[in-house]
Amino acid sequence: MSNQSLPAAVLWDLDGTLIDSEQYWMRAEGAIAARYNGEWSHEDGASMIGLALPVSCKIMADRLGITDLTIDEIIAELTNNVLLDLQREIPWRPGALELLRGLNEVGVPQALVTMSLRRMALTVAESLDFAPFQVVVAGDDVERGKPHPDAYLKAAEALNLHPSLCVAIEDSLNGLASAEAAGTKAVAIPHLMHIPDAPTRTIWPSLTQVTPNHLGQLFS
């Protein structure tokens, strides 16, 4: 495979894209909501997918009337609960692990760009028996999280690449907004929400059977 058929780098979202962890987040959110006699629906959880944690947890606190916990305390509790689930099982999305490994084998740089905390991102990255990520940008590494472009810009800069040379893989509208605003070649893999067509993105139903060459062809 020639380098001309490969992307310069691939920037991965974590929750919902690489791993099917949104179920864990929604369960953790539901546990908090139950303490405050609040209802927390699937739609409530889905509406916050891809948002920076300070933003989503502020929405949650306002909706549930939480006044005895700070936003940082809510973030920490949610993260701790999701980490407990991840320590039992990391549910990889279909085709994601295979594409990660394939890109690693042909030498394409990869970055993890997530709004989860760095300790969670590293837990997932370090569970692998290979090291695909040259860069990890987490929610606590940027002041403005997704849907702002900062996280993707930071990842591309750390790889010494212009964002337009990078593929960003996302599952949410907030994540896509971030990737597109940064100027990356955005690929949507819908999971829990509908992703509408747009000229700024490519939509694939799954990563199953996707190869590094397919990602390179996005630039032709």
Foldseek 3Di string as FASTA:
>chain_A
DDPLLFFQAEEEEDDPFFFVLLVQLQVLLVVVLVVLVHDQDPVLSQVCPQAQQLVSLVVSCVRSVDDPDDSVRSLVSSLVSSVVVVVVPTGTFPQNVVQLVQCVVVPREYEYQYSRDPVSVVVVQVVDPDHRHPYYQYNVNDPHGFPAQVSLLVRCVVVVHQQCRYEYEEADPRVQSNSLNSNHAYEYAHDPDDDDDDPSYHYDPGNHPPYSSNVSVSVD
